[in-house]
């Protein structure tokens, strides 16, 4: 599962040929959450509230790039790195 971003101890990963809806995995310490890219919400797993807020903020800023990476993943193409939250 390629890592596409990293910020504030949060790892953002996206699986190739993952199931719909378009989403990514956010990992922070022992927590992992699945975040819906279009709806900007947690759809699985668990993240601390502060971390979830940061991840949702980052998702809103990079929604277009995330959806492009989702399309690339479905085609088994290399995923692009996305800038961290600063």
PDB file of N, CA and C in Angstrom:
ATOM      1  N   UNK A   1       0.862  -1.174   0.000  1.00  0.00           N
ATOM      2  CA  UNK A   1       0.000   0.000   0.000  1.00  0.00           C
ATOM      3  C   UNK A   1       0.902   1.229   0.000  1.00  0.00           C
ATOM      4  N   UNK A   2       0.912   1.975  -1.085  1.00  0.00           N
ATOM      5  CA  UNK A   2       1.782   3.147  -1.180  1.00  0.00           C
ATOM      6  C   UNK A   2       1.412   4.265  -0.206  1.00  0.00           C
ATOM      7  N   UNK A   3       2.451   4.844   0.368  1.00  0.00           N
ATOM      8  CA  UNK A   3       2.285   6.031   1.207  1.00  0.00           C
ATOM      9  C   UNK A   3       2.282   7.233   0.285  1.00  0.00           C
ATOM     10  N   UNK A   4       1.242   8.076   0.377  1.00  0.00           N
ATOM     11  CA  UNK A   4       1.149   9.226  -0.519  1.00  0.00           C
ATOM     12  C   UNK A   4       1.378  10.549   0.197  1.00  0.00           C
ATOM     13  N   UNK A   5       1.369  10.521   1.533  1.00  0.00           N
ATOM     14  CA  UNK A   5       1.667  11.739   2.288  1.00  0.00           C
ATOM     15  C   UNK A   5       1.983  11.374   3.735  1.00  0.00           C
ATOM     16  N   UNK A   6       2.647  12.305   4.412  1.00  0.00           N
ATOM     17  CA  UNK A   6       2.983  12.128   5.830  1.00  0.00           C
ATOM     18  C   UNK A   6       3.071  13.502   6.467  1.00  0.00           C
ATOM     19  N   UNK A   7       2.363  13.692   7.564  1.00  0.00           N
ATOM     20  CA  UNK A   7       2.430  14.967   8.283  1.00  0.00           C
ATOM     21  C   UNK A   7       1.996  14.762   9.726  1.00  0.00           C
ATOM     22  N   UNK A   8       2.664  15.436  10.637  1.00  0.00           N
ATOM     23  CA  UNK A   8       2.316  15.449  12.056  1.00  0.00           C
ATOM     24  C   UNK A   8       2.118  14.041  12.625  1.00  0.00           C
ATOM     25  N   UNK A   9       2.926  13.101  12.172  1.00  0.00           N
ATOM     26  CA  UNK A   9       2.828  11.726  12.644  1.00  0.00           C
ATOM     27  C   UNK A   9       1.733  10.910  11.989  1.00  0.00           C
ATOM     28  N   UNK A  10       1.065  11.480  10.991  1.00  0.00           N
ATOM     29  CA  UNK A  10      -0.047  10.811  10.301  1.00  0.00           C
ATOM     30  C   UNK A  10       0.450  10.304   8.947  1.00  0.00           C
ATOM     31  N   UNK A  11       0.255   9.026   8.702  1.00  0.00           N
ATOM     32  CA  UNK A  11       0.626   8.419   7.421  1.00  0.00           C
ATOM     33  C   UNK A  11      -0.641   8.271   6.582  1.00  0.00           C
ATOM     34  N   UNK A  12      -0.580   8.738   5.347  1.00  0.00           N
ATOM     35  CA  UNK A  12      -1.706   8.611   4.422  1.00  0.00           C
ATOM     36  C   UNK A  12      -1.320   7.589   3.360  1.00  0.00           C
ATOM     37  N   UNK A  13      -2.143   6.541   3.238  1.00  0.00           N
ATOM     38  CA  UNK A  13      -1.878   5.465   2.285  1.00  0.00           C
ATOM     39  C   UNK A  13      -3.112   5.195   1.446  1.00  0.00           C
ATOM     40  N   UNK A  14      -2.861   4.645   0.249  1.00  0.00           N
ATOM     41  CA  UNK A  14      -3.961   4.277  -0.634  1.00  0.00           C
ATOM     42  C   UNK A  14      -3.633   2.916  -1.249  1.00  0.00           C
ATOM     43  N   UNK A  15      -4.595   2.007  -1.175  1.00  0.00           N
ATOM     44  CA  UNK A  15      -4.432   0.676  -1.759  1.00  0.00           C
ATOM     45  C   UNK A  15      -4.704   0.722  -3.257  1.00  0.00           C
ATOM     46  N   UNK A  16      -4.031  -0.173  -3.985  1.00  0.00           N
ATOM     47  CA  UNK A  16      -4.373  -0.391  -5.392  1.00  0.00           C
ATOM     48  C   UNK A  16      -5.611  -1.264  -5.441  1.00  0.00           C
ATOM     49  N   UNK A  17      -6.510  -0.969  -6.377  1.00  0.00           N
ATOM     50  CA  UNK A  17      -7.726  -1.763  -6.609  1.00  0.00           C
ATOM     51  C   UNK A  17      -8.535  -1.960  -5.332  1.00  0.00           C
ATOM     52  N   UNK A  18      -8.652  -0.927  -4.517  1.00  0.00           N
ATOM     53  CA  UNK A  18      -9.447  -0.986  -3.299  1.00  0.00           C
ATOM     54  C   UNK A  18     -10.927  -0.832  -3.666  1.00  0.00           C
ATOM     55  N   UNK A  19     -11.792  -1.127  -2.736  1.00  0.00           N
ATOM     56  CA  UNK A  19     -13.238  -1.065  -2.952  1.00  0.00           C
ATOM     57  C   UNK A  19     -13.736   0.384  -2.943  1.00  0.00           C
ATOM     58  N   UNK A  20     -14.896   0.613  -3.546  1.00  0.00           N
ATOM     59  CA  UNK A  20     -15.547   1.924  -3.492  1.00  0.00           C
ATOM     60  C   UNK A  20     -16.208   2.085  -2.135  1.00  0.00           C
ATOM     61  N   UNK A  21     -16.485   3.283  -1.696  1.00  0.00           N
ATOM     62  CA  UNK A  21     -16.278   4.576  -2.346  1.00  0.00           C
ATOM     63  C   UNK A  21     -14.797   4.969  -2.320  1.00  0.00           C
ATOM     64  N   UNK A  22     -14.413   5.955  -3.149  1.00  0.00           N
ATOM     65  CA  UNK A  22     -13.031   6.428  -3.140  1.00  0.00           C
ATOM     66  C   UNK A  22     -12.633   6.868  -1.725  1.00  0.00           C
ATOM     67  N   UNK A  23     -11.546   6.275  -1.223  1.00  0.00           N
ATOM     68  CA  UNK A  23     -11.115   6.565   0.134  1.00  0.00           C
ATOM     69  C   UNK A  23      -9.615   6.327   0.271  1.00  0.00           C
ATOM     70  N   UNK A  24      -9.089   6.693   1.418  1.00  0.00           N
ATOM     71  CA  UNK A  24      -7.698   6.396   1.749  1.00  0.00           C
ATOM     72  C   UNK A  24      -7.641   5.957   3.205  1.00  0.00           C
ATOM     73  N   UNK A  25      -6.469   5.457   3.589  1.00  0.00           N
ATOM     74  CA  UNK A  25      -6.236   5.005   4.953  1.00  0.00           C
ATOM     75  C   UNK A  25      -5.329   6.018   5.639  1.00  0.00           C
ATOM     76  N   UNK A  26      -5.739   6.478   6.800  1.00  0.00           N
ATOM     77  CA  UNK A  26      -4.924   7.375   7.623  1.00  0.00           C
ATOM     78  C   UNK A  26      -4.492   6.590   8.855  1.00  0.00           C
ATOM     79  N   UNK A  27      -3.186   6.540   9.096  1.00  0.00           N
ATOM     80  CA  UNK A  27      -2.639   5.785  10.221  1.00  0.00           C
ATOM     81  C   UNK A  27      -1.942   6.757  11.160  1.00  0.00           C
ATOM     82  N   UNK A  28      -2.284   6.653  12.436  1.00  0.00           N
ATOM     83  CA  UNK A  28      -1.671   7.489  13.468  1.00  0.00           C
ATOM     84  C   UNK A  28      -1.467   6.613  14.699  1.00  0.00           C
ATOM     85  N   UNK A  29      -0.201   6.364  15.054  1.00  0.00           N
ATOM     86  CA  UNK A  29       0.137   5.478  16.177  1.00  0.00           C
ATOM     87  C   UNK A  29      -0.594   4.147  15.979  1.00  0.00           C
ATOM     88  N   UNK A  30      -1.390   3.717  16.961  1.00  0.00           N
ATOM     89  CA  UNK A  30      -2.087   2.437  16.849  1.00  0.00           C
ATOM     90  C   UNK A  30      -3.457   2.562  16.187  1.00  0.00           C
ATOM     91  N   UNK A  31      -3.815   3.745  15.728  1.00  0.00           N
ATOM     92  CA  UNK A  31      -5.118   3.998  15.117  1.00  0.00           C
ATOM     93  C   UNK A  31      -5.036   3.948  13.601  1.00  0.00           C
ATOM     94  N   UNK A  32      -6.130   3.508  12.984  1.00  0.00           N
ATOM     95  CA  UNK A  32      -6.246   3.572  11.527  1.00  0.00           C
ATOM     96  C   UNK A  32      -7.694   3.883  11.173  1.00  0.00           C
ATOM     97  N   UNK A  33      -7.872   4.834  10.267  1.00  0.00           N
ATOM     98  CA  UNK A  33      -9.205   5.192   9.821  1.00  0.00           C
ATOM     99  C   UNK A  33      -9.275   5.230   8.310  1.00  0.00           C
ATOM    100  N   UNK A  34     -10.436   4.919   7.769  1.00  0.00           N
ATOM    101  CA  UNK A  34     -10.700   5.032   6.339  1.00  0.00           C
ATOM    102  C   UNK A  34     -11.511   6.294   6.128  1.00  0.00           C
ATOM    103  N   UNK A  35     -11.033   7.143   5.219  1.00  0.00           N
ATOM    104  CA  UNK A  35     -11.668   8.442   5.001  1.00  0.00           C
ATOM    105  C   UNK A  35     -12.222   8.520   3.591  1.00  0.00           C
ATOM    106  N   UNK A  36     -13.511   8.806   3.489  1.00  0.00           N
ATOM    107  CA  UNK A  36     -14.182   8.984   2.203  1.00  0.00           C
ATOM    108  C   UNK A  36     -13.714  10.317   1.605  1.00  0.00           C
ATOM    109  N   UNK A  37     -13.152  10.268   0.415  1.00  0.00           N
ATOM    110  CA  UNK A  37     -12.578  11.463  -0.212  1.00  0.00           C
ATOM    111  C   UNK A  37     -13.660  12.463  -0.611  1.00  0.00           C
ATOM    112  N   UNK A  38     -14.767  11.994  -1.136  1.00  0.00           N
ATOM    113  CA  UNK A  38     -15.811  12.907  -1.606  1.00  0.00           C
ATOM    114  C   UNK A  38     -16.650  13.475  -0.470  1.00  0.00           C
ATOM    115  N   UNK A  39     -16.976  12.656   0.522  1.00  0.00           N
ATOM    116  CA  UNK A  39     -17.844  13.096   1.617  1.00  0.00           C
ATOM    117  C   UNK A  39     -17.084  13.732   2.782  1.00  0.00           C
ATOM    118  N   UNK A  40     -15.748  13.623   2.756  1.00  0.00           N
ATOM    119  CA  UNK A  40     -14.919  14.186   3.828  1.00  0.00           C
ATOM    120  C   UNK A  40     -15.348  13.662   5.202  1.00  0.00           C
ATOM    121  N   UNK A  41     -15.463  12.325   5.298  1.00  0.00           N
ATOM    122  CA  UNK A  41     -15.868  11.750   6.572  1.00  0.00           C
ATOM    123  C   UNK A  41     -15.209  10.394   6.803  1.00  0.00           C
ATOM    124  N   UNK A  42     -15.121  10.018   8.062  1.00  0.00           N
ATOM    125  CA  UNK A  42     -14.589   8.723   8.461  1.00  0.00           C
ATOM    126  C   UNK A  42     -15.628   7.660   8.140  1.00  0.00           C
ATOM    127  N   UNK A  43     -15.223   6.621   7.392  1.00  0.00           N
ATOM    128  CA  UNK A  43     -16.171   5.564   7.019  1.00  0.00           C
ATOM    129  C   UNK A  43     -15.784   4.221   7.618  1.00  0.00           C
ATOM    130  N   UNK A  44     -14.684   4.177   8.337  1.00  0.00           N
ATOM    131  CA  UNK A  44     -14.263   2.935   8.972  1.00  0.00           C
ATOM    132  C   UNK A  44     -13.089   3.181   9.882  1.00  0.00           C
ATOM    133  N   UNK A  45     -12.907   2.291  10.831  1.00  0.00           N
ATOM    134  CA  UNK A  45     -11.791   2.417  11.747  1.00  0.00           C
ATOM    135  C   UNK A  45     -12.014   3.519  12.764  1.00  0.00           C
ATOM    136  N   UNK A  46     -10.897   3.981  13.330  1.00  0.00           N
ATOM    137  CA  UNK A  46     -10.984   4.997  14.383  1.00  0.00           C
ATOM    138  C   UNK A  46      -9.729   5.857  14.384  1.00  0.00           C
ATOM    139  N   UNK A  47      -9.915   7.147  14.587  1.00  0.00           N
ATOM    140  CA  UNK A  47      -8.827   8.107  14.759  1.00  0.00           C
ATOM    141  C   UNK A  47      -9.190   9.015  15.932  1.00  0.00           C
ATOM    142  N   UNK A  48      -8.197   9.477  16.693  1.00  0.00           N
ATOM    143  CA  UNK A  48      -8.506  10.452  17.745  1.00  0.00           C
ATOM    144  C   UNK A  48      -9.154  11.699  17.118  1.00  0.00           C
ATOM    145  N   UNK A  49     -10.081  12.351  17.823  1.00  0.00           N
ATOM    146  CA  UNK A  49     -10.797  13.500  17.259  1.00  0.00           C
ATOM    147  C   UNK A  49      -9.891  14.582  16.682  1.00  0.00           C
ATOM    148  N   UNK A  50      -8.824  14.936  17.374  1.00  0.00           N
ATOM    149  CA  UNK A  50      -7.903  15.981  16.881  1.00  0.00           C
ATOM    150  C   UNK A  50      -7.251  15.554  15.570  1.00  0.00           C
ATOM    151  N   UNK A  51      -6.828  14.297  15.510  1.00  0.00           N
ATOM    152  CA  UNK A  51      -6.192  13.761  14.300  1.00  0.00           C
ATOM    153  C   UNK A  51      -7.200  13.706  13.160  1.00  0.00           C
ATOM    154  N   UNK A  52      -8.410  13.259  13.443  1.00  0.00           N
ATOM    155  CA  UNK A  52      -9.445  13.214  12.412  1.00  0.00           C
ATOM    156  C   UNK A  52      -9.694  14.612  11.847  1.00  0.00           C
ATOM    157  N   UNK A  53      -9.735  15.613  12.692  1.00  0.00           N
ATOM    158  CA  UNK A  53      -9.921  16.988  12.222  1.00  0.00           C
ATOM    159  C   UNK A  53      -8.820  17.421  11.275  1.00  0.00           C
ATOM    160  N   UNK A  54      -7.579  17.084  11.611  1.00  0.00           N
ATOM    161  CA  UNK A  54      -6.448  17.429  10.740  1.00  0.00           C
ATOM    162  C   UNK A  54      -6.534  16.695   9.406  1.00  0.00           C
ATOM    163  N   UNK A  55      -6.898  15.422   9.469  1.00  0.00           N
ATOM    164  CA  UNK A  55      -6.998  14.617   8.246  1.00  0.00           C
ATOM    165  C   UNK A  55      -8.115  15.153   7.343  1.00  0.00           C
ATOM    166  N   UNK A  56      -9.249  15.519   7.923  1.00  0.00           N
ATOM    167  CA  UNK A  56     -10.359  16.059   7.129  1.00  0.00           C
ATOM    168  C   UNK A  56      -9.958  17.403   6.513  1.00  0.00           C
ATOM    169  N   UNK A  57      -9.272  18.239   7.271  1.00  0.00           N
ATOM    170  CA  UNK A  57      -8.789  19.521   6.738  1.00  0.00           C
ATOM    171  C   UNK A  57      -7.865  19.286   5.557  1.00  0.00           C
ATOM    172  N   UNK A  58      -6.920  18.348   5.699  1.00  0.00           N
ATOM    173  CA  UNK A  58      -5.971  18.021   4.632  1.00  0.00           C
ATOM    174  C   UNK A  58      -6.722  17.471   3.412  1.00  0.00           C
ATOM    175  N   UNK A  59      -7.699  16.611   3.652  1.00  0.00           N
ATOM    176  CA  UNK A  59      -8.482  16.024   2.561  1.00  0.00           C
ATOM    177  C   UNK A  59      -9.195  17.109   1.754  1.00  0.00           C
ATOM    178  N   UNK A  60      -9.791  18.066   2.442  1.00  0.00           N
ATOM    179  CA  UNK A  60     -10.497  19.158   1.761  1.00  0.00           C
ATOM    180  C   UNK A  60      -9.549  19.956   0.876  1.00  0.00           C
ATOM    181  N   UNK A  61      -8.329  20.154   1.343  1.00  0.00           N
ATOM    182  CA  UNK A  61      -7.343  20.912   0.568  1.00  0.00           C
ATOM    183  C   UNK A  61      -6.845  20.150  -0.658  1.00  0.00           C
ATOM    184  N   UNK A  62      -6.865  18.823  -0.596  1.00  0.00           N
ATOM    185  CA  UNK A  62      -6.254  17.998  -1.646  1.00  0.00           C
ATOM    186  C   UNK A  62      -7.240  17.018  -2.282  1.00  0.00           C
ATOM    187  N   UNK A  63      -8.513  17.336  -2.226  1.00  0.00           N
ATOM    188  CA  UNK A  63      -9.542  16.431  -2.727  1.00  0.00           C
ATOM    189  C   UNK A  63      -9.324  16.055  -4.197  1.00  0.00           C
ATOM    190  N   UNK A  64      -9.022  17.023  -5.022  1.00  0.00           N
ATOM    191  CA  UNK A  64      -8.825  16.755  -6.457  1.00  0.00           C
ATOM    192  C   UNK A  64      -7.643  15.796  -6.666  1.00  0.00           C
ATOM    193  N   UNK A  65      -6.534  16.057  -5.989  1.00  0.00           N
ATOM    194  CA  UNK A  65      -5.351  15.193  -6.125  1.00  0.00           C
ATOM    195  C   UNK A  65      -5.633  13.780  -5.617  1.00  0.00           C
ATOM    196  N   UNK A  66      -6.392  13.685  -4.531  1.00  0.00           N
ATOM    197  CA  UNK A  66      -6.734  12.375  -3.989  1.00  0.00           C
ATOM    198  C   UNK A  66      -7.592  11.583  -4.961  1.00  0.00           C
ATOM    199  N   UNK A  67      -8.552  12.236  -5.587  1.00  0.00           N
ATOM    200  CA  UNK A  67      -9.386  11.548  -6.568  1.00  0.00           C
ATOM    201  C   UNK A  67      -8.578  11.142  -7.797  1.00  0.00           C
ATOM    202  N   UNK A  68      -7.615  11.958  -8.196  1.00  0.00           N
ATOM    203  CA  UNK A  68      -6.725  11.585  -9.298  1.00  0.00           C
ATOM    204  C   UNK A  68      -5.919  10.343  -8.921  1.00  0.00           C
ATOM    205  N   UNK A  69      -5.409  10.308  -7.688  1.00  0.00           N
ATOM    206  CA  UNK A  69      -4.665   9.132  -7.234  1.00  0.00           C
ATOM    207  C   UNK A  69      -5.572   7.903  -7.171  1.00  0.00           C
ATOM    208  N   UNK A  70      -6.825   8.083  -6.766  1.00  0.00           N
ATOM    209  CA  UNK A  70      -7.763   6.964  -6.730  1.00  0.00           C
ATOM    210  C   UNK A  70      -7.910   6.361  -8.133  1.00  0.00           C
ATOM    211  N   UNK A  71      -8.073   7.224  -9.136  1.00  0.00           N
ATOM    212  CA  UNK A  71      -8.181   6.750 -10.520  1.00  0.00           C
ATOM    213  C   UNK A  71      -6.903   6.040 -10.958  1.00  0.00           C
ATOM    214  N   UNK A  72      -5.757   6.584 -10.592  1.00  0.00           N
ATOM    215  CA  UNK A  72      -4.477   5.952 -10.924  1.00  0.00           C
ATOM    216  C   UNK A  72      -4.362   4.579 -10.266  1.00  0.00           C
ATOM    217  N   UNK A  73      -4.769   4.481  -9.013  1.00  0.00           N
ATOM    218  CA  UNK A  73      -4.689   3.207  -8.287  1.00  0.00           C
ATOM    219  C   UNK A  73      -5.553   2.147  -8.969  1.00  0.00           C
ATOM    220  N   UNK A  74      -6.734   2.539  -9.414  1.00  0.00           N
ATOM    221  CA  UNK A  74      -7.623   1.600 -10.102  1.00  0.00           C
ATOM    222  C   UNK A  74      -6.995   1.072 -11.395  1.00  0.00           C
ATOM    223  N   UNK A  75      -6.133   1.888 -12.009  1.00  0.00           N
ATOM    224  CA  UNK A  75      -5.466   1.509 -13.256  1.00  0.00           C
ATOM    225  C   UNK A  75      -4.093   0.901 -13.001  1.00  0.00           C
ATOM    226  N   UNK A  76      -3.734   0.706 -11.710  1.00  0.00           N
ATOM    227  CA  UNK A  76      -2.436   0.155 -11.328  1.00  0.00           C
ATOM    228  C   UNK A  76      -1.270   1.049 -11.759  1.00  0.00           C
ATOM    229  N   UNK A  77      -1.509   2.366 -11.805  1.00  0.00           N
ATOM    230  CA  UNK A  77      -0.459   3.330 -12.158  1.00  0.00           C
ATOM    231  C   UNK A  77       0.199   3.849 -10.884  1.00  0.00           C
ATOM    232  N   UNK A  78       1.384   4.405 -11.037  1.00  0.00           N
ATOM    233  CA  UNK A  78       2.093   4.977  -9.892  1.00  0.00           C
ATOM    234  C   UNK A  78       1.304   6.148  -9.316  1.00  0.00           C
ATOM    235  N   UNK A  79       1.261   6.188  -7.988  1.00  0.00           N
ATOM    236  CA  UNK A  79       0.528   7.261  -7.311  1.00  0.00           C
ATOM    237  C   UNK A  79       1.458   8.445  -7.058  1.00  0.00           C
ATOM    238  N   UNK A  80       0.870   9.620  -7.082  1.00  0.00           N
ATOM    239  CA  UNK A  80       1.624  10.855  -6.854  1.00  0.00           C
ATOM    240  C   UNK A  80       1.677  11.166  -5.365  1.00  0.00           C
ATOM    241  N   UNK A  81       2.788  11.735  -4.928  1.00  0.00           N
ATOM    242  CA  UNK A  81       2.905  12.225  -3.556  1.00  0.00           C
ATOM    243  C   UNK A  81       2.069  13.494  -3.439  1.00  0.00           C
ATOM    244  N   UNK A  82       1.445  13.665  -2.298  1.00  0.00           N
ATOM    245  CA  UNK A  82       0.619  14.847  -2.050  1.00  0.00           C
ATOM    246  C   UNK A  82       1.228  15.613  -0.884  1.00  0.00           C
ATOM    247  N   UNK A  83       1.279  16.928  -1.029  1.00  0.00           N
ATOM    248  CA  UNK A  83       1.914  17.785  -0.027  1.00  0.00           C
ATOM    249  C   UNK A  83       1.278  17.583   1.348  1.00  0.00           C
ATOM    250  N   UNK A  84       2.078  17.667   2.391  1.00  0.00           N
ATOM    251  CA  UNK A  84       1.560  17.509   3.749  1.00  0.00           C
ATOM    252  C   UNK A  84       0.778  18.741   4.192  1.00  0.00           C
ATOM    253  N   UNK A  85       0.084  18.599   5.300  1.00  0.00           N
ATOM    254  CA  UNK A  85      -0.592  19.726   5.917  1.00  0.00           C
ATOM    255  C   UNK A  85       0.474  20.560   6.640  1.00  0.00           C
ATOM    256  N   UNK A  86       0.537  21.836   6.337  1.00  0.00           N
ATOM    257  CA  UNK A  86       1.539  22.700   6.974  1.00  0.00           C
ATOM    258  C   UNK A  86       0.881  23.869   7.663  1.00  0.00           C
TER     259      UNK A  86
END
